Amino acid sequence: MTGIGTSLLFALANLLHPRMLWLMVWPVLVAMLVWGVVAVVLWAQAVIWLAGLLQRWVEYATVVVPWDSTAIAIFTAKVLLLLALVPLIQLTALLILSIWGMPAMVEHVAALRFATLARRRGGSFAGSLANSALALTGLAALGLVTLPLWILPPLWPLIPVAIMAWVNQKVLRYDALAEHATAEEMRAVFAARRGSLYLLGFALALVAYVPVIGFFAPVLVGLSFIHHLLAALKALREAPIEGASVRL
């Protein structure tokens, strides 16, 4: 029972615990407050900068047919900034959870399903910080590289979700296994579960855009990854050392 569906079901059941309910609320409120202040202070400047960038790109791409793209660029910039706020709030809440919430969430899940799973402590707080920093760097790089594609109607709804799918799995996979797995076990599980981790991250990135339900997405993300990866670690350790290879 190591599949994505099973992990989601266990995560949804865990959301009813009072401690998980509290973790659902305060990181998201803090993230919304932080980005709300940033939006109020920098909104006009951000719209002007992004609109100018988009206008230059559009006019360059349509140089054969001259036209005034100012109004469209401003409207598009506002839409893109609003779309960007959702994953930024979710990511901020995830980073808060990775520092202050994941240890409690791992303890909760381990006590319920994996009480006999040995703790080999291959991760560390410094490793978690470095992993989060790498995820933020990747987020910024992916955002800049894909920025010209955001004005294309078929792509702009999918790009932030695809980026957050990568960030979700990058941020949380390390913290989910840091207490229980060795460094070698973490690498083995991540390699074997690469596709399912991204699919789980993609599905949960979509949840962030669902009204009300999206409010609970950060904790649901964390719990799902913990269930999924601890189950995979358990399967890895139970696989025979010799003989036919066992698929994780």
Protein backbone atom coordinates (compact mmCIF):
# COMPACT_ATOMS: atom_id res chain seq x y z
CA MET A 1 0.00 0.00 0.00
CA THR A 2 2.47 2.61 -1.21
CA GLY A 3 0.44 4.21 -3.99
CA ILE A 4 -0.53 7.85 -4.43
CA GLY A 5 -4.23 7.18 -3.83
CA THR A 6 -3.53 5.41 -0.55
CA SER A 7 -1.26 8.23 0.59
CA LEU A 8 -3.93 10.82 -0.16
CA LEU A 9 -6.60 8.86 1.71
CA PHE A 10 -4.42 8.50 4.79
CA ALA A 11 -3.52 12.21 4.59
CA LEU A 12 -7.18 13.23 4.39
CA ALA A 13 -7.97 11.08 7.42
CA ASN A 14 -5.11 12.67 9.38
CA LEU A 15 -6.44 16.17 8.68
CA LEU A 16 -9.16 15.58 11.29
CA HIS A 17 -6.62 15.41 14.12
CA PRO A 18 -6.66 18.62 16.24
CA ARG A 19 -2.90 19.13 15.89
CA MET A 20 -3.11 18.81 12.11
CA LEU A 21 -6.07 21.19 12.04
CA TRP A 22 -3.95 23.82 13.78
CA LEU A 23 -1.08 23.23 11.36
CA MET A 24 -3.53 23.77 8.50
CA VAL A 25 -4.41 27.23 9.74
CA TRP A 26 -1.48 29.22 11.02
CA PRO A 27 1.19 28.67 8.30
CA VAL A 28 -1.28 29.65 5.58
CA LEU A 29 -2.42 32.72 7.52
CA VAL A 30 1.19 33.81 8.00
CA ALA A 31 1.93 33.24 4.31
CA MET A 32 -1.16 35.19 3.24
CA LEU A 33 -0.23 38.06 5.55
CA VAL A 34 3.34 38.20 4.24
CA TRP A 35 2.38 38.17 0.56
CA GLY A 36 -0.59 40.45 1.17
CA VAL A 37 1.76 43.10 2.55
CA VAL A 38 4.16 42.57 -0.36
CA ALA A 39 1.31 42.92 -2.86
CA VAL A 40 0.03 46.13 -1.28
CA VAL A 41 3.49 47.70 -1.25
CA LEU A 42 4.80 46.53 -4.62
CA TRP A 43 1.70 45.87 -6.75
CA ALA A 44 1.84 48.98 -8.94
CA GLN A 45 5.59 48.72 -9.55
CA ALA A 46 5.34 44.99 -10.30
CA VAL A 47 2.50 45.51 -12.79
CA ILE A 48 4.39 48.28 -14.60
CA TRP A 49 7.63 46.24 -14.76
CA LEU A 50 5.97 43.04 -15.92
CA ALA A 51 3.71 44.84 -18.40
CA GLY A 52 6.72 46.58 -19.94
CA LEU A 53 8.52 43.26 -20.25
CA LEU A 54 5.52 41.58 -21.83
CA GLN A 55 4.90 44.51 -24.18
CA ARG A 56 8.47 44.44 -25.49
CA TRP A 57 8.26 40.69 -26.01
CA VAL A 58 4.87 40.85 -27.79
CA GLU A 59 5.91 43.74 -30.03
CA TYR A 60 9.13 41.94 -30.92
CA ALA A 61 7.21 38.75 -31.72
CA THR A 62 4.69 40.64 -33.90
CA VAL A 63 7.06 43.14 -35.49
CA VAL A 64 5.54 42.47 -38.89
CA VAL A 65 2.16 43.83 -37.71
CA PRO A 66 2.71 47.00 -35.62
CA TRP A 67 0.06 47.58 -32.92
CA ASP A 68 -0.34 49.12 -29.47
CA SER A 69 -0.17 46.33 -26.92
CA THR A 70 -0.06 48.50 -23.77
CA ALA A 71 -3.57 47.72 -22.50
CA ILE A 72 -3.22 44.00 -23.16
CA ALA A 73 0.19 43.93 -21.50
CA ILE A 74 -1.12 45.63 -18.34
CA PHE A 75 -4.12 43.31 -18.12
CA THR A 76 -1.96 40.24 -18.69
CA ALA A 77 0.56 41.41 -16.09
CA LYS A 78 -2.20 41.73 -13.46
CA VAL A 79 -3.53 38.27 -14.26
CA LEU A 80 -0.07 36.71 -14.09
CA LEU A 81 0.73 38.38 -10.78
CA LEU A 82 -2.54 37.16 -9.28
CA LEU A 83 -1.81 33.65 -10.55
CA ALA A 84 1.69 33.84 -9.12
CA LEU A 85 0.39 34.76 -5.66
CA VAL A 86 -1.33 31.39 -5.20
CA PRO A 87 1.80 29.21 -5.57
CA LEU A 88 3.88 31.78 -3.68
CA ILE A 89 1.49 31.63 -0.71
CA GLN A 90 1.45 27.84 -0.91
CA LEU A 91 5.23 27.65 -1.14
CA THR A 92 5.70 30.01 1.81
CA ALA A 93 3.31 27.92 3.89
CA LEU A 94 5.20 24.77 2.84
CA LEU A 95 8.53 26.28 3.84
CA ILE A 96 7.09 27.27 7.22
CA LEU A 97 5.75 23.73 7.63
CA SER A 98 9.07 22.19 6.62
CA ILE A 99 10.77 24.00 9.51
CA TRP A 100 8.12 24.03 12.25
CA GLY A 101 5.49 21.52 11.17
CA MET A 102 7.07 18.54 9.44
CA PRO A 103 8.70 17.03 12.57
CA ALA A 104 5.31 16.94 14.30
CA MET A 105 3.64 15.58 11.17
CA VAL A 106 6.27 12.85 10.77
CA GLU A 107 5.83 11.88 14.43
CA HIS A 108 2.06 11.72 13.97
CA VAL A 109 2.18 9.55 10.85
CA ALA A 110 4.96 7.31 12.19
CA ALA A 111 3.04 6.63 15.41
CA LEU A 112 -0.07 5.64 13.46
CA ARG A 113 1.39 3.54 10.64
CA PHE A 114 5.13 3.06 10.99
CA ALA A 115 5.82 2.60 14.70
CA THR A 116 8.24 -0.27 14.02
CA LEU A 117 10.17 1.52 11.26
CA ALA A 118 13.71 2.13 12.50
CA ARG A 119 14.91 5.73 12.66
CA ARG A 120 18.33 6.06 11.08
CA ARG A 121 18.40 9.87 10.95
CA GLY A 122 20.16 10.43 7.64
CA GLY A 123 18.91 13.98 7.39
CA SER A 124 19.58 17.11 9.42
CA PHE A 125 18.23 20.59 10.03
CA ALA A 126 21.08 22.05 7.96
CA GLY A 127 20.25 19.63 5.17
CA SER A 128 16.61 20.70 5.29
CA LEU A 129 17.58 24.37 5.01
CA ALA A 130 19.91 23.64 2.09
CA ASN A 131 17.19 21.63 0.34
CA SER A 132 14.67 24.46 0.79
CA ALA A 133 17.19 26.99 -0.54
CA LEU A 134 17.75 24.81 -3.60
CA ALA A 135 13.99 24.58 -4.15
CA LEU A 136 13.66 28.37 -3.99
CA THR A 137 16.53 28.78 -6.44
CA GLY A 138 14.88 26.30 -8.79
CA LEU A 139 11.55 28.11 -8.46
CA ALA A 140 13.13 31.44 -9.42
CA ALA A 141 15.05 29.91 -12.33
CA LEU A 142 12.04 28.05 -13.71
CA GLY A 143 9.87 31.14 -13.36
CA LEU A 144 12.32 33.32 -15.29
CA VAL A 145 12.94 30.73 -18.01
CA THR A 146 9.23 30.13 -18.62
CA LEU A 147 8.10 33.77 -18.29
CA PRO A 148 7.77 34.41 -22.07
CA LEU A 149 5.48 31.38 -22.35
CA TRP A 150 3.01 32.68 -19.75
CA ILE A 151 1.25 34.92 -22.28
CA LEU A 152 0.24 31.92 -24.41
CA PRO A 153 -3.37 30.93 -23.50
CA PRO A 154 -2.81 27.15 -23.58
CA LEU A 155 0.21 27.37 -21.27
CA TRP A 156 -0.29 30.09 -18.67
CA PRO A 157 -2.67 28.07 -16.46
CA LEU A 158 -0.35 25.04 -16.53
CA ILE A 159 3.07 26.61 -16.04
CA PRO A 160 2.69 27.67 -12.37
CA VAL A 161 1.15 24.30 -11.52
CA ALA A 162 3.99 22.43 -13.24
CA ILE A 163 6.61 24.53 -11.45
CA MET A 164 4.92 24.05 -8.08
CA ALA A 165 4.70 20.31 -8.70
CA TRP A 166 8.49 20.21 -8.88
CA VAL A 167 8.89 22.53 -5.89
CA ASN A 168 6.40 20.55 -3.77
CA GLN A 169 8.26 17.30 -4.17
CA LYS A 170 11.66 18.97 -3.80
CA VAL A 171 10.78 20.72 -0.55
CA LEU A 172 8.93 17.92 1.22
CA ARG A 173 10.58 14.68 0.17
CA TYR A 174 13.73 15.38 2.20
CA ASP A 175 11.86 16.35 5.37
CA ALA A 176 9.53 13.35 5.07
CA LEU A 177 12.44 10.87 5.25
CA ALA A 178 15.11 12.80 7.17
CA GLU A 179 14.25 11.19 10.53
CA HIS A 180 13.89 7.60 9.35
CA ALA A 181 16.15 7.02 6.32
CA THR A 182 19.86 7.07 5.77
CA ALA A 183 21.27 9.30 3.03
CA GLU A 184 21.67 6.24 0.79
CA GLU A 185 18.09 5.12 1.42
CA MET A 186 16.79 8.59 0.63
CA ARG A 187 18.58 8.61 -2.72
CA ALA A 188 17.27 5.13 -3.53
CA VAL A 189 13.66 5.96 -2.66
CA PHE A 190 13.73 9.31 -4.49
CA ALA A 191 15.14 7.68 -7.62
CA ALA A 192 12.62 4.84 -7.58
CA ARG A 193 9.67 7.13 -6.84
CA ARG A 194 10.62 10.05 -9.07
CA GLY A 195 7.53 9.82 -11.29
CA SER A 196 5.01 9.26 -8.51
CA LEU A 197 6.48 12.08 -6.42
CA TYR A 198 6.07 14.52 -9.29
CA LEU A 199 2.53 13.30 -9.99
CA LEU A 200 1.66 13.73 -6.33
CA GLY A 201 3.19 17.20 -6.34
CA PHE A 202 1.27 18.08 -9.51
CA ALA A 203 -2.06 16.89 -8.12
CA LEU A 204 -1.56 18.79 -4.90
CA ALA A 205 -0.43 21.93 -6.75
CA LEU A 206 -3.84 21.89 -8.46
CA VAL A 207 -5.59 21.66 -5.09
CA ALA A 208 -4.10 25.02 -4.09
CA TYR A 209 -6.33 26.74 -6.69
CA VAL A 210 -9.55 25.18 -5.40
CA PRO A 211 -11.50 27.65 -3.21
CA VAL A 212 -11.58 26.77 0.50
CA ILE A 213 -10.04 23.33 -0.08
CA GLY A 214 -6.86 25.01 -1.26
CA PHE A 215 -6.52 26.55 2.19
CA PHE A 216 -5.70 23.09 3.54
CA ALA A 217 -3.33 22.15 0.72
CA PRO A 218 0.05 22.69 2.48
CA VAL A 219 -0.67 20.24 5.31
CA LEU A 220 -2.31 17.79 2.89
CA VAL A 221 0.84 17.99 0.77
CA GLY A 222 3.08 17.29 3.75
CA LEU A 223 1.02 14.40 5.11
CA SER A 224 0.71 12.77 1.69
CA PHE A 225 4.44 12.86 1.09
CA ILE A 226 5.15 11.45 4.56
CA HIS A 227 2.75 8.53 4.07
CA HIS A 228 3.99 7.89 0.53
CA LEU A 229 7.70 7.98 1.32
CA LEU A 230 7.65 6.17 4.65
CA ALA A 231 5.67 3.37 2.98
CA ALA A 232 8.26 3.29 0.18
CA LEU A 233 11.10 3.18 2.72
CA LYS A 234 9.41 0.31 4.54
CA ALA A 235 9.05 -1.57 1.24
CA LEU A 236 12.72 -0.94 0.45
CA ARG A 237 13.87 -2.40 3.75
CA GLU A 238 11.58 -5.40 3.45
CA ALA A 239 12.80 -6.25 -0.06
CA PRO A 240 15.10 -9.31 -0.21
CA ILE A 241 18.79 -8.49 -0.54
CA GLU A 242 19.45 -11.30 -2.96
CA GLY A 243 17.45 -12.79 -5.79
CA ALA A 244 15.02 -11.04 -8.10
CA SER A 245 14.86 -7.27 -7.79
CA VAL A 246 11.82 -5.90 -6.05
CA ARG A 247 10.11 -2.88 -7.50
CA LEU A 248 9.52 -0.07 -4.99
